[in-house]
Amino acid sequence: MTISILALDEKTGTYGGAAMTGSLCVGGWVLRGDAESGLSASQGSLPSTMWGQNVLSLMRDGASAEVAVQQIVTADGGRDERQLSALDPRGSTGFFTGANSIPTAGVRSAPGVIVAGNLLASEAVLDACLDGFLGSDGAMDVRLLNALNKAADVGGDSRGLLSAAMLVVGSDRPPLSLRIDHSDAPLDALANLHRHATSGAYANWASHVPTLADPERSTPFLG
């Protein structure tokens, strides 16, 4: 019932995830991550938020994405209703698509990036999302927006779209967590929110907050 993408820019150490769905609140349900653990996307007809968080814990402790996903999935008797993808701090990926996932369901991947989806208009949605990211230049957030838009252009969620979200994290930057929980045009709303969050007074203020690389940052923000 969702399409998601997780990616790592090895040059900058920036992790990024994005998702969209024909239901509500995709960001709160699907995306999890931080610069020390990697990223996860837990989705499906009956998604488990515990899957998303638990796979991050395993990867933070050193498990590869593939091993972490396998451990989480094997322990859950309801796994057939769920889908999980993960990206570990080394850029490796892992994934699982439950047997009862609503067609079209599947995964596409390339080095440092993974796309997963279910209840999609067609297989072309997965390909378009991956190609949209790989074929884009610029910052992680811009590439993620392009990936979602390319996926939507070929059908996206077969029910249409109601929510979209983005999460970008890194050791030397504040988190960028954007959520459109309900909208008739969630990708337009996400792009608009992104513009406001990455420019002007808000972006200036965000550049002063602590980060993993500088946890005691406290340069006064003068507005």
C-alpha atoms as a PDB file:
ATOM      1  CA  MET A   1       0.000   0.000   0.000  1.00  0.00           C
ATOM      2  CA  THR A   2       3.144   2.123  -0.132  1.00  0.00           C
ATOM      3  CA  ILE A   3       6.289   2.844  -2.100  1.00  0.00           C
ATOM      4  CA  SER A   4       9.468   3.795  -0.278  1.00  0.00           C
ATOM      5  CA  ILE A   5      13.090   4.521  -1.108  1.00  0.00           C
ATOM      6  CA  LEU A   6      16.154   4.425   1.161  1.00  0.00           C
ATOM      7  CA  ALA A   7      19.551   5.712   0.054  1.00  0.00           C
ATOM      8  CA  LEU A   8      23.070   6.570   1.232  1.00  0.00           C
ATOM      9  CA  ASP A   9      25.372   9.156  -0.321  1.00  0.00           C
ATOM     10  CA  GLU A  10      28.779   7.744   0.583  1.00  0.00           C
ATOM     11  CA  LYS A  11      30.578  10.955  -0.420  1.00  0.00           C
ATOM     12  CA  THR A  12      28.739  13.069   2.149  1.00  0.00           C
ATOM     13  CA  GLY A  13      27.629  10.385   4.621  1.00  0.00           C
ATOM     14  CA  THR A  14      24.031  11.535   4.193  1.00  0.00           C
ATOM     15  CA  TYR A  15      21.174   9.039   4.512  1.00  0.00           C
ATOM     16  CA  GLY A  16      17.790   9.725   2.963  1.00  0.00           C
ATOM     17  CA  GLY A  17      14.420   8.031   2.842  1.00  0.00           C
ATOM     18  CA  ALA A  18      11.103   8.949   1.279  1.00  0.00           C
ATOM     19  CA  ALA A  19       7.707   7.319   0.987  1.00  0.00           C
ATOM     20  CA  MET A  20       4.214   7.886  -0.368  1.00  0.00           C
ATOM     21  CA  THR A  21       0.929   6.022  -0.061  1.00  0.00           C
ATOM     22  CA  GLY A  22      -2.788   6.068  -0.771  1.00  0.00           C
ATOM     23  CA  SER A  23      -3.509   6.079   2.956  1.00  0.00           C
ATOM     24  CA  LEU A  24      -2.760   8.467   5.828  1.00  0.00           C
ATOM     25  CA  CYS A  25       0.412   9.298   7.776  1.00  0.00           C
ATOM     26  CA  VAL A  26       2.993   7.399   5.726  1.00  0.00           C
ATOM     27  CA  GLY A  27       5.937   9.081   7.447  1.00  0.00           C
ATOM     28  CA  GLY A  28       4.893   8.016  10.923  1.00  0.00           C
ATOM     29  CA  TRP A  29       4.202   4.446   9.882  1.00  0.00           C
ATOM     30  CA  VAL A  30       7.010   3.703   7.465  1.00  0.00           C
ATOM     31  CA  LEU A  31      10.257   5.656   7.821  1.00  0.00           C
ATOM     32  CA  ARG A  32      12.803   5.266  10.629  1.00  0.00           C
ATOM     33  CA  GLY A  33      16.500   6.070  10.774  1.00  0.00           C
ATOM     34  CA  ASP A  34      19.518   7.911  12.089  1.00  0.00           C
ATOM     35  CA  ALA A  35      23.125   8.425  11.057  1.00  0.00           C
ATOM     36  CA  GLU A  36      24.454   5.784  13.465  1.00  0.00           C
ATOM     37  CA  SER A  37      22.022   2.985  12.568  1.00  0.00           C
ATOM     38  CA  GLY A  38      20.978   3.481   8.948  1.00  0.00           C
ATOM     39  CA  LEU A  39      17.424   3.553   7.629  1.00  0.00           C
ATOM     40  CA  SER A  40      14.376   1.312   7.535  1.00  0.00           C
ATOM     41  CA  ALA A  41      11.004   1.271   5.797  1.00  0.00           C
ATOM     42  CA  SER A  42       8.367  -0.975   7.354  1.00  0.00           C
ATOM     43  CA  GLN A  43       5.162  -1.209   5.352  1.00  0.00           C
ATOM     44  CA  GLY A  44       2.517  -3.594   4.042  1.00  0.00           C
ATOM     45  CA  SER A  45      -1.176  -4.252   4.612  1.00  0.00           C
ATOM     46  CA  LEU A  46      -0.520  -4.638   8.371  1.00  0.00           C
ATOM     47  CA  PRO A  47       2.826  -2.874   8.933  1.00  0.00           C
ATOM     48  CA  SER A  48       4.821  -3.295  12.118  1.00  0.00           C
ATOM     49  CA  THR A  49       6.429  -0.158  13.523  1.00  0.00           C
ATOM     50  CA  MET A  50       8.420  -2.496  15.770  1.00  0.00           C
ATOM     51  CA  TRP A  51      10.048  -4.038  12.690  1.00  0.00           C
ATOM     52  CA  GLY A  52      11.307  -0.642  11.596  1.00  0.00           C
ATOM     53  CA  GLN A  53      12.823   0.227  14.954  1.00  0.00           C
ATOM     54  CA  ASN A  54      14.165  -3.210  15.808  1.00  0.00           C
ATOM     55  CA  VAL A  55      16.026  -3.599  12.534  1.00  0.00           C
ATOM     56  CA  LEU A  56      17.761  -0.285  13.233  1.00  0.00           C
ATOM     57  CA  SER A  57      18.870  -1.519  16.645  1.00  0.00           C
ATOM     58  CA  LEU A  58      20.419  -4.627  15.124  1.00  0.00           C
ATOM     59  CA  MET A  59      22.226  -2.630  12.449  1.00  0.00           C
ATOM     60  CA  ARG A  60      23.542  -0.169  15.020  1.00  0.00           C
ATOM     61  CA  ASP A  61      25.010  -3.129  16.891  1.00  0.00           C
ATOM     62  CA  GLY A  62      26.842  -4.227  13.760  1.00  0.00           C
ATOM     63  CA  ALA A  63      24.476  -6.574  11.918  1.00  0.00           C
ATOM     64  CA  SER A  64      24.255  -6.152   8.166  1.00  0.00           C
ATOM     65  CA  ALA A  65      20.930  -5.046   6.719  1.00  0.00           C
ATOM     66  CA  GLU A  66      20.407  -8.504   5.216  1.00  0.00           C
ATOM     67  CA  VAL A  67      21.035 -10.326   8.502  1.00  0.00           C
ATOM     68  CA  ALA A  68      19.016  -7.823  10.532  1.00  0.00           C
ATOM     69  CA  VAL A  69      15.992  -8.113   8.253  1.00  0.00           C
ATOM     70  CA  GLN A  70      16.167 -11.904   8.333  1.00  0.00           C
ATOM     71  CA  GLN A  71      16.237 -11.936  12.146  1.00  0.00           C
ATOM     72  CA  ILE A  72      13.295  -9.565  12.474  1.00  0.00           C
ATOM     73  CA  VAL A  73      11.169 -11.343   9.886  1.00  0.00           C
ATOM     74  CA  THR A  74      11.838 -14.873  11.125  1.00  0.00           C
ATOM     75  CA  ALA A  75      10.679 -14.010  14.635  1.00  0.00           C
ATOM     76  CA  ASP A  76       7.261 -12.681  13.524  1.00  0.00           C
ATOM     77  CA  GLY A  77       4.461 -15.146  12.764  1.00  0.00           C
ATOM     78  CA  GLY A  78       2.533 -12.358  10.998  1.00  0.00           C
ATOM     79  CA  ARG A  79       5.289 -11.686   8.491  1.00  0.00           C
ATOM     80  CA  ASP A  80       3.220 -12.629   5.448  1.00  0.00           C
ATOM     81  CA  GLU A  81       1.240  -9.386   5.855  1.00  0.00           C
ATOM     82  CA  ARG A  82       4.310  -7.153   5.962  1.00  0.00           C
ATOM     83  CA  GLN A  83       7.156  -5.729   3.920  1.00  0.00           C
ATOM     84  CA  LEU A  84      10.502  -4.452   5.197  1.00  0.00           C
ATOM     85  CA  SER A  85      13.538  -2.830   3.640  1.00  0.00           C
ATOM     86  CA  ALA A  86      16.692  -1.650   5.364  1.00  0.00           C
ATOM     87  CA  LEU A  87      19.916   0.190   4.588  1.00  0.00           C
ATOM     88  CA  ASP A  88      22.838  -0.259   6.973  1.00  0.00           C
ATOM     89  CA  PRO A  89      25.693   2.190   7.749  1.00  0.00           C
ATOM     90  CA  ARG A  90      27.902   0.483   5.165  1.00  0.00           C
ATOM     91  CA  GLY A  91      25.364   1.052   2.405  1.00  0.00           C
ATOM     92  CA  SER A  92      24.280  -2.599   2.167  1.00  0.00           C
ATOM     93  CA  THR A  93      20.591  -3.405   1.857  1.00  0.00           C
ATOM     94  CA  GLY A  94      18.164  -6.063   3.030  1.00  0.00           C
ATOM     95  CA  PHE A  95      14.512  -6.674   2.243  1.00  0.00           C
ATOM     96  CA  PHE A  96      11.507  -8.916   2.750  1.00  0.00           C
ATOM     97  CA  THR A  97       8.139  -8.989   1.009  1.00  0.00           C
ATOM     98  CA  GLY A  98       5.455 -11.073   2.716  1.00  0.00           C
ATOM     99  CA  ALA A  99       3.592 -13.734   0.767  1.00  0.00           C
ATOM    100  CA  ASN A 100       0.272 -11.939   1.263  1.00  0.00           C
ATOM    101  CA  SER A 101       1.533  -8.570   0.032  1.00  0.00           C
ATOM    102  CA  ILE A 102      -1.040  -7.037  -2.281  1.00  0.00           C
ATOM    103  CA  PRO A 103       0.109  -6.978  -5.930  1.00  0.00           C
ATOM    104  CA  THR A 104       1.914  -5.329  -7.454  1.00  0.00           C
ATOM    105  CA  ALA A 105       4.586  -5.800  -4.771  1.00  0.00           C
ATOM    106  CA  GLY A 106       8.350  -5.998  -5.060  1.00  0.00           C
ATOM    107  CA  VAL A 107      11.793  -4.495  -4.577  1.00  0.00           C
ATOM    108  CA  ARG A 108      14.466  -2.853  -6.715  1.00  0.00           C
ATOM    109  CA  SER A 109      17.987  -2.048  -5.577  1.00  0.00           C
ATOM    110  CA  ALA A 110      21.337  -0.641  -6.646  1.00  0.00           C
ATOM    111  CA  PRO A 111      24.492   0.042  -4.636  1.00  0.00           C
ATOM    112  CA  GLY A 112      23.489   2.188  -1.673  1.00  0.00           C
ATOM    113  CA  VAL A 113      19.785   2.431  -2.554  1.00  0.00           C
ATOM    114  CA  ILE A 114      16.679   0.265  -2.234  1.00  0.00           C
ATOM    115  CA  VAL A 115      13.083   0.768  -3.384  1.00  0.00           C
ATOM    116  CA  ALA A 116      10.173  -1.299  -2.041  1.00  0.00           C
ATOM    117  CA  GLY A 117       6.469  -1.179  -2.741  1.00  0.00           C
ATOM    118  CA  ASN A 118       3.138  -2.943  -2.581  1.00  0.00           C
ATOM    119  CA  LEU A 119      -0.347  -2.290  -4.008  1.00  0.00           C
ATOM    120  CA  LEU A 120       1.354  -0.446  -6.848  1.00  0.00           C
ATOM    121  CA  ALA A 121      -0.118   0.355 -10.241  1.00  0.00           C
ATOM    122  CA  SER A 122       2.535  -1.819 -11.922  1.00  0.00           C
ATOM    123  CA  GLU A 123       6.148  -3.021 -11.766  1.00  0.00           C
ATOM    124  CA  ALA A 124       7.064   0.146 -13.657  1.00  0.00           C
ATOM    125  CA  VAL A 125       6.550   2.156 -10.465  1.00  0.00           C
ATOM    126  CA  LEU A 126       9.486   0.429  -8.776  1.00  0.00           C
ATOM    127  CA  ASP A 127      11.734   0.964 -11.786  1.00  0.00           C
ATOM    128  CA  ALA A 128      10.730   4.607 -12.166  1.00  0.00           C
ATOM    129  CA  CYS A 129      11.411   5.349  -8.520  1.00  0.00           C
ATOM    130  CA  LEU A 130      14.894   3.827  -8.639  1.00  0.00           C
ATOM    131  CA  ASP A 131      15.732   5.384 -12.005  1.00  0.00           C
ATOM    132  CA  GLY A 132      14.431   8.751 -10.831  1.00  0.00           C
ATOM    133  CA  PHE A 133      16.860   8.715  -7.940  1.00  0.00           C
ATOM    134  CA  LEU A 134      19.858   7.364  -9.837  1.00  0.00           C
ATOM    135  CA  GLY A 135      19.282   9.743 -12.722  1.00  0.00           C
ATOM    136  CA  SER A 136      19.150  12.851 -10.526  1.00  0.00           C
ATOM    137  CA  ASP A 137      21.915  15.209  -9.544  1.00  0.00           C
ATOM    138  CA  GLY A 138      22.165  17.398  -6.483  1.00  0.00           C
ATOM    139  CA  ALA A 139      21.468  16.948  -2.803  1.00  0.00           C
ATOM    140  CA  MET A 140      19.875  13.866  -1.300  1.00  0.00           C
ATOM    141  CA  ASP A 141      16.550  15.566  -0.592  1.00  0.00           C
ATOM    142  CA  VAL A 142      16.211  16.815  -4.167  1.00  0.00           C
ATOM    143  CA  ARG A 143      16.948  13.361  -5.558  1.00  0.00           C
ATOM    144  CA  LEU A 144      14.348  11.784  -3.264  1.00  0.00           C
ATOM    145  CA  LEU A 145      11.670  14.216  -4.384  1.00  0.00           C
ATOM    146  CA  ASN A 146      12.476  13.401  -7.992  1.00  0.00           C
ATOM    147  CA  ALA A 147      12.258   9.665  -7.285  1.00  0.00           C
ATOM    148  CA  LEU A 148       8.782   9.990  -5.770  1.00  0.00           C
ATOM    149  CA  ASN A 149       7.544  12.154  -8.615  1.00  0.00           C
ATOM    150  CA  LYS A 150       8.846   9.748 -11.265  1.00  0.00           C
ATOM    151  CA  ALA A 151       7.110   6.871  -9.467  1.00  0.00           C
ATOM    152  CA  ALA A 152       3.854   8.829  -9.318  1.00  0.00           C
ATOM    153  CA  ASP A 153       4.101   9.680 -13.017  1.00  0.00           C
ATOM    154  CA  VAL A 154       3.748   5.982 -13.914  1.00  0.00           C
ATOM    155  CA  GLY A 155       0.886   5.250 -11.523  1.00  0.00           C
ATOM    156  CA  GLY A 156       2.289   5.154  -7.975  1.00  0.00           C
ATOM    157  CA  ASP A 157      -0.081   3.592  -5.455  1.00  0.00           C
ATOM    158  CA  SER A 158      -2.945   2.017  -7.379  1.00  0.00           C
ATOM    159  CA  ARG A 159      -5.468   3.868  -5.179  1.00  0.00           C
ATOM    160  CA  GLY A 160      -3.932   7.300  -5.742  1.00  0.00           C
ATOM    161  CA  LEU A 161      -1.981   9.261  -3.139  1.00  0.00           C
ATOM    162  CA  LEU A 162      -2.933  10.816   0.204  1.00  0.00           C
ATOM    163  CA  SER A 163       0.335  11.185   2.129  1.00  0.00           C
ATOM    164  CA  ALA A 164       4.074  11.529   1.566  1.00  0.00           C
ATOM    165  CA  ALA A 165       7.172  11.942   3.701  1.00  0.00           C
ATOM    166  CA  MET A 166      10.936  12.444   3.679  1.00  0.00           C
ATOM    167  CA  LEU A 167      13.674  11.792   6.224  1.00  0.00           C
ATOM    168  CA  VAL A 168      17.272  12.955   5.682  1.00  0.00           C
ATOM    169  CA  VAL A 169      19.935  12.466   8.376  1.00  0.00           C
ATOM    170  CA  GLY A 170      23.705  12.722   8.710  1.00  0.00           C
ATOM    171  CA  SER A 171      26.328  13.130  11.377  1.00  0.00           C
ATOM    172  CA  ASP A 172      27.128  16.713  10.398  1.00  0.00           C
ATOM    173  CA  ARG A 173      23.627  18.019   9.742  1.00  0.00           C
ATOM    174  CA  PRO A 174      20.347  18.489  11.588  1.00  0.00           C
ATOM    175  CA  PRO A 175      17.635  15.955  10.710  1.00  0.00           C
ATOM    176  CA  LEU A 176      15.210  16.895   7.976  1.00  0.00           C
ATOM    177  CA  SER A 177      11.936  15.125   8.779  1.00  0.00           C
ATOM    178  CA  LEU A 178       9.028  16.229   6.611  1.00  0.00           C
ATOM    179  CA  ARG A 179       5.552  14.710   6.683  1.00  0.00           C
ATOM    180  CA  ILE A 180       2.383  15.374   4.737  1.00  0.00           C
ATOM    181  CA  ASP A 181      -0.153  13.241   6.592  1.00  0.00           C
ATOM    182  CA  HIS A 182      -3.223  13.990   4.454  1.00  0.00           C
ATOM    183  CA  SER A 183      -3.517  15.879   1.190  1.00  0.00           C
ATOM    184  CA  ASP A 184      -5.206  15.546  -2.170  1.00  0.00           C
ATOM    185  CA  ALA A 185      -1.810  16.447  -3.674  1.00  0.00           C
ATOM    186  CA  PRO A 186       0.762  15.188  -1.166  1.00  0.00           C
ATOM    187  CA  LEU A 187       3.793  15.407  -3.448  1.00  0.00           C
ATOM    188  CA  ASP A 188       3.081  19.057  -4.221  1.00  0.00           C
ATOM    189  CA  ALA A 189       2.581  19.703  -0.515  1.00  0.00           C
ATOM    190  CA  LEU A 190       5.825  17.890   0.328  1.00  0.00           C
ATOM    191  CA  ALA A 191       7.756  19.926  -2.235  1.00  0.00           C
ATOM    192  CA  ASN A 192       6.298  23.134  -0.805  1.00  0.00           C
ATOM    193  CA  LEU A 193       7.158  22.142   2.766  1.00  0.00           C
ATOM    194  CA  HIS A 194      10.652  21.195   1.607  1.00  0.00           C
ATOM    195  CA  ARG A 195      11.155  24.662   0.087  1.00  0.00           C
ATOM    196  CA  HIS A 196      10.204  26.317   3.364  1.00  0.00           C
ATOM    197  CA  ALA A 197      12.346  23.960   5.450  1.00  0.00           C
ATOM    198  CA  THR A 198      15.504  24.387   3.378  1.00  0.00           C
ATOM    199  CA  SER A 199      15.504  28.151   2.892  1.00  0.00           C
ATOM    200  CA  GLY A 200      15.003  31.333   4.842  1.00  0.00           C
ATOM    201  CA  ALA A 201      14.814  31.764   8.593  1.00  0.00           C
ATOM    202  CA  TYR A 202      14.016  28.141   9.399  1.00  0.00           C
ATOM    203  CA  ALA A 203      17.031  26.780   7.512  1.00  0.00           C
ATOM    204  CA  ASN A 204      19.230  29.449   9.108  1.00  0.00           C
ATOM    205  CA  TRP A 205      18.029  28.459  12.576  1.00  0.00           C
ATOM    206  CA  ALA A 206      18.521  24.734  11.849  1.00  0.00           C
ATOM    207  CA  SER A 207      22.149  25.356  10.949  1.00  0.00           C
ATOM    208  CA  HIS A 208      22.801  26.328  14.592  1.00  0.00           C
ATOM    209  CA  VAL A 209      21.418  23.252  16.373  1.00  0.00           C
ATOM    210  CA  PRO A 210      23.617  20.416  17.725  1.00  0.00           C
ATOM    211  CA  THR A 211      24.594  17.516  15.480  1.00  0.00           C
ATOM    212  CA  LEU A 212      26.287  14.176  16.079  1.00  0.00           C
ATOM    213  CA  ALA A 213      29.539  15.645  14.821  1.00  0.00           C
ATOM    214  CA  ASP A 214      29.148  18.775  16.966  1.00  0.00           C
ATOM    215  CA  PRO A 215      26.884  17.826  19.893  1.00  0.00           C
ATOM    216  CA  GLU A 216      27.659  20.946  21.918  1.00  0.00           C
ATOM    217  CA  ARG A 217      27.018  23.432  19.156  1.00  0.00           C
ATOM    218  CA  SER A 218      25.454  26.507  20.730  1.00  0.00           C
ATOM    219  CA  THR A 219      26.261  29.505  18.573  1.00  0.00           C
ATOM    220  CA  PRO A 220      23.443  31.939  19.367  1.00  0.00           C
ATOM    221  CA  PHE A 221      20.792  32.267  16.690  1.00  0.00           C
ATOM    222  CA  LEU A 222      20.108  35.959  16.135  1.00  0.00           C
ATOM    223  CA  GLY A 223      17.191  35.574  13.755  1.00  0.00           C
END
